[in-house]
């Protein structure tokens, strides 16, 4: 199997016909200028060492070298193989609360680590432990959207987690029900695949119906585990004021978070607890791993050096080939009417 890492560079081959036209125009112009001095045969005697063929040979060499460079830029590869691998794991959709209240401190101290930063730290450590599982990401505030479909590319998943912030959802609020339903829709249709939703929130639900949505998920075989962020006593939300001009106090609704986890047949953990990650990992391990197949491709051997060598050789020949007749070919007329070459006397 032969392919290219950067096939768009092959469009540069369109330059070669352009160079050919430029070369033909240049040679035609040169002949027209020489005709001003007299008949071609007479002018040729005035330039005994000028070769009729070497410029064309040099141009052909340059075009071959250019073609090799273009192929080299496209990074040709040969020998790529398709492999089917079977792994065992579960599917995990993360429903991440990015409402403004997640900017508040995760502790009782107003200057403590924000809820959103603590959630990122927990999830990064969790993703590192997912092994062969698949993970997806839904973000929500007053509305929800899929930020990352299910994938086994954990590097990309962590990159998305690091970029989360409230500005990604224009309609603020906290609609947990919508987030659960969107996360449910993000799973694969495979019925034998075990699935879990990890809900990260301070549970200040403004829309209601979160418990009903969690029950619906459990009925469909989807476990819901909840990570609660913040403190029940509440803390100031920096930069926000009520319509009356008072500071905004935001609290963790731990009771609702526990009810959602119970309705979703999962566990509730407080994000500030030292055992939060261990408790969540233990709960996910209870889900039976399901086998699934994936197709992977082994990278082909790079052919870059081969074409680099070709370009180098032809450029080297072009550099040392001068526009003069080659001494041992001076007496040969390649365009004689005779079927064999004629040696000039």
Protein backbone atom coordinates (compact mmCIF):
# COMPACT_ATOMS: atom_id res chain seq x y z
CA UNK A 1 0.00 0.00 0.00
CA UNK A 2 1.45 3.36 -1.08
CA UNK A 3 0.15 6.65 0.23
CA UNK A 4 1.19 10.19 1.12
CA UNK A 5 1.19 11.92 4.50
CA UNK A 6 0.61 15.34 2.85
CA UNK A 7 -1.07 14.63 -0.51
CA UNK A 8 -2.04 18.30 -1.01
CA UNK A 9 1.59 19.03 -1.95
CA UNK A 10 1.08 16.96 -5.11
CA UNK A 11 -0.86 19.91 -6.55
CA UNK A 12 2.56 21.48 -7.09
CA UNK A 13 2.90 19.22 -10.13
CA UNK A 14 0.72 21.81 -11.89
CA UNK A 15 3.85 24.01 -11.98
CA UNK A 16 5.69 21.64 -14.34
CA UNK A 17 3.51 22.32 -17.45
CA UNK A 18 3.93 26.04 -16.68
CA UNK A 19 7.72 25.70 -16.58
CA UNK A 20 7.64 23.72 -19.85
CA UNK A 21 5.70 26.51 -21.56
CA UNK A 22 8.13 29.11 -20.19
CA UNK A 23 11.10 27.05 -21.43
CA UNK A 24 9.60 26.60 -24.91
CA UNK A 25 8.87 30.33 -25.12
CA UNK A 26 12.45 31.14 -24.03
CA UNK A 27 13.99 28.79 -26.60
CA UNK A 28 11.72 30.11 -29.35
CA UNK A 29 12.66 33.67 -28.47
CA UNK A 30 16.36 32.76 -28.51
CA UNK A 31 16.11 31.23 -31.97
CA UNK A 32 14.24 34.30 -33.23
CA UNK A 33 17.02 36.58 -31.94
CA UNK A 34 19.74 34.42 -33.56
CA UNK A 35 17.96 34.58 -36.93
CA UNK A 36 18.54 38.32 -36.95
CA UNK A 37 22.24 37.67 -37.38
CA UNK A 38 21.82 35.44 -40.42
CA UNK A 39 21.08 31.89 -41.52
CA UNK A 40 21.17 29.25 -38.77
CA UNK A 41 24.01 27.27 -40.38
CA UNK A 42 26.17 30.39 -40.68
CA UNK A 43 25.45 31.52 -37.10
CA UNK A 44 26.24 28.01 -35.84
CA UNK A 45 29.78 28.26 -37.22
CA UNK A 46 30.30 31.35 -35.07
CA UNK A 47 29.43 29.31 -31.94
CA UNK A 48 31.26 26.01 -32.50
CA UNK A 49 31.05 24.91 -28.84
CA UNK A 50 27.38 25.82 -28.27
CA UNK A 51 25.26 22.69 -27.90
CA UNK A 52 21.80 22.40 -29.39
CA UNK A 53 20.76 19.66 -26.99
CA UNK A 54 22.41 20.36 -23.62
CA UNK A 55 19.95 23.12 -22.54
CA UNK A 56 17.04 20.76 -23.12
CA UNK A 57 18.82 17.97 -21.26
CA UNK A 58 19.51 20.34 -18.34
CA UNK A 59 15.85 21.42 -18.30
CA UNK A 60 14.65 17.81 -18.25
CA UNK A 61 17.04 17.03 -15.39
CA UNK A 62 15.74 20.05 -13.45
CA UNK A 63 12.11 18.96 -13.99
CA UNK A 64 12.90 15.42 -12.78
CA UNK A 65 14.58 16.88 -9.70
CA UNK A 66 11.61 19.17 -9.09
CA UNK A 67 9.20 16.22 -9.41
CA UNK A 68 11.25 14.28 -6.85
CA UNK A 69 11.21 17.27 -4.46
CA UNK A 70 7.41 17.57 -4.78
CA UNK A 71 6.95 13.87 -4.03
CA UNK A 72 9.41 14.27 -1.16
CA UNK A 73 7.33 17.12 0.33
CA UNK A 74 4.20 14.96 0.13
CA UNK A 75 6.00 12.36 2.30
CA UNK A 76 5.44 9.10 0.41
CA UNK A 77 4.98 6.00 2.53
CA UNK A 78 4.83 2.37 1.52
CA UNK A 79 3.82 -0.76 3.35
CA UNK A 80 1.02 0.61 5.60
CA UNK A 81 -1.14 -2.22 6.89
CA UNK A 82 -4.65 -2.34 8.26
CA UNK A 83 -5.00 -4.16 11.55
CA UNK A 84 -8.12 -5.05 13.49
CA UNK A 85 -7.71 -4.98 17.23
CA UNK A 86 -10.10 -6.19 19.91
CA UNK A 87 -10.22 -4.36 23.24
CA UNK A 88 -12.43 -4.54 26.28
CA UNK A 89 -13.79 -1.48 28.02
CA UNK A 90 -16.76 0.73 28.79
CA UNK A 91 -18.11 3.98 27.38
CA UNK A 92 -17.96 7.06 29.60
CA UNK A 93 -19.64 10.36 28.80
CA UNK A 94 -18.54 13.29 30.95
CA UNK A 95 -21.22 15.93 31.52
CA UNK A 96 -19.31 19.02 32.66
CA UNK A 97 -21.04 22.02 34.23
CA UNK A 98 -19.57 25.24 32.77
CA UNK A 99 -22.07 27.64 34.31
CA UNK A 100 -20.68 30.82 35.87
CA UNK A 101 -21.03 29.40 39.37
CA UNK A 102 -18.22 26.93 38.55
CA UNK A 103 -15.82 29.89 38.68
CA UNK A 104 -16.43 30.17 42.42
CA UNK A 105 -14.06 28.66 44.96
CA UNK A 106 -14.37 24.93 45.60
CA UNK A 107 -13.73 25.56 49.29
CA UNK A 108 -15.16 27.96 51.86
CA UNK A 109 -12.26 30.34 51.21
CA UNK A 110 -13.15 32.83 48.43
CA UNK A 111 -9.60 32.65 47.09
CA UNK A 112 -9.48 28.84 46.98
CA UNK A 113 -9.10 26.69 43.86
CA UNK A 114 -12.07 27.25 41.59
CA UNK A 115 -14.61 24.49 41.10
CA UNK A 116 -13.84 24.25 37.39
CA UNK A 117 -10.09 23.90 38.01
CA UNK A 118 -10.59 21.21 40.64
CA UNK A 119 -12.91 19.34 38.27
CA UNK A 120 -10.31 19.49 35.50
CA UNK A 121 -7.65 18.06 37.81
CA UNK A 122 -9.88 15.19 38.93
CA UNK A 123 -10.94 14.31 35.39
CA UNK A 124 -7.42 14.40 33.98
CA UNK A 125 -6.38 11.84 36.60
CA UNK A 126 -9.49 9.78 35.89
CA UNK A 127 -8.92 9.79 32.11
CA UNK A 128 -5.38 8.48 32.70
CA UNK A 129 -6.94 5.43 34.38
CA UNK A 130 -9.57 4.64 31.74
CA UNK A 131 -7.18 2.39 29.79
CA UNK A 132 -9.14 0.81 26.88
CA UNK A 133 -12.38 2.64 27.59
CA UNK A 134 -13.91 5.31 25.39
CA UNK A 135 -14.68 8.81 26.63
CA UNK A 136 -16.83 11.67 25.36
CA UNK A 137 -17.58 15.16 26.66
CA UNK A 138 -20.79 17.18 26.99
CA UNK A 139 -20.70 20.69 28.40
CA UNK A 140 -23.71 22.44 29.82
CA UNK A 141 -25.04 25.52 31.54
CA UNK A 142 -28.50 26.77 30.57
CA UNK A 143 -28.18 24.58 27.46
CA UNK A 144 -26.01 21.64 26.47
CA UNK A 145 -23.76 20.67 23.59
CA UNK A 146 -21.45 17.81 22.68
CA UNK A 147 -17.88 19.06 22.92
CA UNK A 148 -16.16 15.76 22.10
CA UNK A 149 -17.81 12.62 20.68
CA UNK A 150 -16.81 9.23 22.09
CA UNK A 151 -13.15 8.54 21.45
CA UNK A 152 -10.26 6.46 22.73
CA UNK A 153 -7.91 9.38 22.08
CA UNK A 154 -7.33 10.41 25.68
CA UNK A 155 -4.74 13.03 24.75
CA UNK A 156 -7.39 14.94 22.80
CA UNK A 157 -9.91 14.45 25.62
CA UNK A 158 -7.55 16.04 28.15
CA UNK A 159 -6.84 18.89 25.76
CA UNK A 160 -10.57 19.65 25.56
CA UNK A 161 -10.87 19.45 29.36
CA UNK A 162 -8.12 22.04 29.79
CA UNK A 163 -9.97 24.50 27.53
CA UNK A 164 -13.33 24.40 29.32
CA UNK A 165 -14.74 27.72 30.51
CA UNK A 166 -18.20 29.36 30.89
CA UNK A 167 -17.79 31.44 27.72
CA UNK A 168 -18.35 28.27 25.67
CA UNK A 169 -22.07 28.36 26.51
CA UNK A 170 -23.75 31.69 25.83
CA UNK A 171 -27.02 30.83 27.60
CA UNK A 172 -26.19 30.63 31.28
CA UNK A 173 -28.03 28.80 34.05
CA UNK A 174 -27.84 25.13 35.04
CA UNK A 175 -29.98 22.59 33.19
CA UNK A 176 -28.79 19.18 34.41
CA UNK A 177 -31.69 17.30 32.79
CA UNK A 178 -30.69 18.53 29.34
CA UNK A 179 -27.07 17.53 29.94
CA UNK A 180 -28.00 13.99 30.99
CA UNK A 181 -30.21 13.49 27.93
CA UNK A 182 -27.56 14.80 25.56
CA UNK A 183 -24.95 12.56 27.17
CA UNK A 184 -27.28 9.58 26.72
CA UNK A 185 -27.55 10.35 23.02
CA UNK A 186 -23.76 10.44 22.75
CA UNK A 187 -23.31 6.72 23.44
CA UNK A 188 -22.95 4.12 20.73
CA UNK A 189 -26.09 2.09 19.87
CA UNK A 190 -24.42 -1.16 21.00
CA UNK A 191 -26.71 -2.73 23.59
CA UNK A 192 -24.03 -4.98 25.09
CA UNK A 193 -21.72 -2.04 25.81
CA UNK A 194 -21.74 -0.90 29.45
CA UNK A 195 -22.10 2.86 29.82
CA UNK A 196 -21.69 5.52 32.47
CA UNK A 197 -22.23 9.26 32.73
CA UNK A 198 -19.97 11.22 35.05
CA UNK A 199 -21.79 14.40 36.01
CA UNK A 200 -19.59 17.22 37.34
CA UNK A 201 -21.62 20.04 38.85
CA UNK A 202 -22.40 22.17 41.88
CA UNK A 203 -26.01 20.98 41.34
CA UNK A 204 -27.58 24.44 41.41
CA UNK A 205 -30.23 23.15 39.01
CA UNK A 206 -32.42 25.97 37.69
CA UNK A 207 -34.65 23.90 35.43
CA UNK A 208 -35.60 20.83 37.50
CA UNK A 209 -36.34 17.34 36.13
CA UNK A 210 -32.75 16.20 36.77
CA UNK A 211 -33.85 13.25 38.90
CA UNK A 212 -36.33 12.12 36.24
CA UNK A 213 -33.59 12.26 33.59
CA UNK A 214 -31.27 10.22 35.83
CA UNK A 215 -34.00 7.61 36.34
CA UNK A 216 -34.52 7.42 32.57
CA UNK A 217 -30.81 6.83 32.09
CA UNK A 218 -30.80 4.02 34.67
CA UNK A 219 -33.77 2.38 32.92
CA UNK A 220 -31.67 2.34 29.75
CA UNK A 221 -28.75 0.68 31.52
CA UNK A 222 -26.68 3.85 31.91
CA UNK A 223 -25.08 4.50 35.28
CA UNK A 224 -24.81 8.09 36.51
CA UNK A 225 -22.04 9.05 38.93
CA UNK A 226 -21.96 12.57 40.33
CA UNK A 227 -18.99 14.66 41.41
CA UNK A 228 -20.17 17.57 43.56
CA UNK A 229 -18.10 20.77 43.54
CA UNK A 230 -18.29 23.54 46.11
CA UNK A 231 -19.47 23.64 49.72
CA UNK A 232 -23.02 23.43 51.16
CA UNK A 233 -22.36 26.61 53.16
CA UNK A 234 -21.62 28.55 49.98
CA UNK A 235 -19.05 31.07 48.84
CA UNK A 236 -18.91 34.35 46.93
CA UNK A 237 -19.02 34.27 43.14
CA UNK A 238 -16.39 36.86 42.21
CA UNK A 239 -17.39 39.48 39.67
CA UNK A 240 -21.15 38.84 39.89
CA UNK A 241 -23.88 40.81 41.66
CA UNK A 242 -27.62 40.31 42.14
CA UNK A 243 -30.04 42.78 40.46
CA UNK A 244 -30.30 44.42 43.88
CA UNK A 245 -26.54 44.95 43.95
CA UNK A 246 -25.72 42.31 46.54
CA UNK A 247 -22.83 39.80 46.14
CA UNK A 248 -23.84 36.44 44.64
CA UNK A 249 -23.49 33.46 46.97
CA UNK A 250 -23.27 30.06 45.29
CA UNK A 251 -23.68 26.76 47.13
CA UNK A 252 -23.24 23.09 46.40
CA UNK A 253 -26.67 21.45 46.45
CA UNK A 254 -25.33 18.21 47.86
CA UNK A 255 -28.79 16.78 48.54
CA UNK A 256 -29.85 17.08 44.89
CA UNK A 257 -26.48 15.68 43.70
CA UNK A 258 -26.96 12.63 45.92
CA UNK A 259 -30.52 12.13 44.67
CA UNK A 260 -29.37 12.26 41.04
CA UNK A 261 -26.68 9.66 41.72
CA UNK A 262 -29.17 7.40 43.52
CA UNK A 263 -31.74 7.68 40.73
CA UNK A 264 -28.98 6.92 38.20
CA UNK A 265 -27.81 3.80 40.09
CA UNK A 266 -24.42 5.42 40.64
CA UNK A 267 -22.44 7.03 43.43
CA UNK A 268 -22.03 10.58 44.66
CA UNK A 269 -18.58 11.84 45.61
CA UNK A 270 -17.57 15.25 46.90
CA UNK A 271 -14.85 16.70 44.68
CA UNK A 272 -12.99 18.05 47.71
CA UNK A 273 -12.68 14.60 49.30
CA UNK A 274 -9.22 12.98 49.14
CA UNK A 275 -10.92 9.69 48.23
CA UNK A 276 -13.08 11.18 45.44
CA UNK A 277 -11.04 9.78 42.59
CA UNK A 278 -10.62 6.36 44.20
CA UNK A 279 -14.35 6.07 44.98
CA UNK A 280 -15.28 6.99 41.42
CA UNK A 281 -12.74 4.62 39.90
CA UNK A 282 -13.98 1.80 42.12
CA UNK A 283 -17.56 2.42 40.98
CA UNK A 284 -16.60 2.39 37.29
CA UNK A 285 -14.66 -0.84 37.80
CA UNK A 286 -17.91 -2.52 38.82
CA UNK A 287 -19.14 -2.15 35.25
CA UNK A 288 -18.33 -5.21 33.17
CA UNK A 289 -15.93 -4.54 30.34
CA UNK A 290 -17.37 -5.22 26.90
CA UNK A 291 -15.31 -6.27 23.92
CA UNK A 292 -15.23 -4.02 20.89
CA UNK A 293 -13.20 -4.03 17.70
CA UNK A 294 -11.27 -1.16 16.26
CA UNK A 295 -9.33 -0.80 13.04
CA UNK A 296 -5.88 0.68 13.20
CA UNK A 297 -3.27 1.35 10.57
CA UNK A 298 0.42 0.77 11.03
CA UNK A 299 2.47 3.55 9.56
CA UNK A 300 4.21 2.68 6.31
CA UNK A 301 7.95 2.99 5.82
CA UNK A 302 8.98 6.51 4.84
CA UNK A 303 10.15 6.82 1.22
CA UNK A 304 11.39 10.38 1.78
CA UNK A 305 15.12 9.45 1.60
CA UNK A 306 14.73 7.71 -1.78
CA UNK A 307 13.21 10.74 -3.49
CA UNK A 308 15.62 13.10 -1.71
CA UNK A 309 18.51 11.07 -3.17
CA UNK A 310 16.95 11.17 -6.66
CA UNK A 311 16.51 14.96 -6.45
CA UNK A 312 20.09 15.39 -5.23
CA UNK A 313 21.60 13.26 -8.02
CA UNK A 314 19.70 14.98 -10.83
CA UNK A 315 20.45 18.45 -9.42
CA UNK A 316 24.12 17.52 -9.16
CA UNK A 317 24.20 16.39 -12.79
CA UNK A 318 22.41 19.56 -13.84
CA UNK A 319 24.92 21.75 -12.00
CA UNK A 320 28.00 20.14 -13.61
CA UNK A 321 26.48 19.86 -17.08
CA UNK A 322 27.48 23.05 -18.93
CA UNK A 323 25.85 24.47 -22.06
CA UNK A 324 28.69 23.29 -24.31
CA UNK A 325 29.08 20.37 -26.61
CA UNK A 326 30.33 17.23 -24.95
CA UNK A 327 33.75 16.52 -26.45
CA UNK A 328 33.16 12.87 -27.29
CA UNK A 329 29.79 13.70 -28.91
CA UNK A 330 30.89 16.67 -30.97
CA UNK A 331 30.92 14.70 -34.20
CA UNK A 332 27.52 13.09 -33.74
CA UNK A 333 24.39 14.48 -35.38
CA UNK A 334 21.39 12.94 -33.61
CA UNK A 335 18.93 14.41 -36.11
CA UNK A 336 20.54 13.13 -39.33
CA UNK A 337 18.16 11.87 -42.00
CA UNK A 338 20.16 8.69 -42.09
CA UNK A 339 18.98 5.84 -39.90
CA UNK A 340 22.41 5.75 -38.31
CA UNK A 341 24.30 8.63 -36.78
CA UNK A 342 26.63 10.53 -39.15
CA UNK A 343 30.08 11.55 -38.11
CA UNK A 344 30.96 14.99 -39.39
CA UNK A 345 34.28 15.28 -41.16
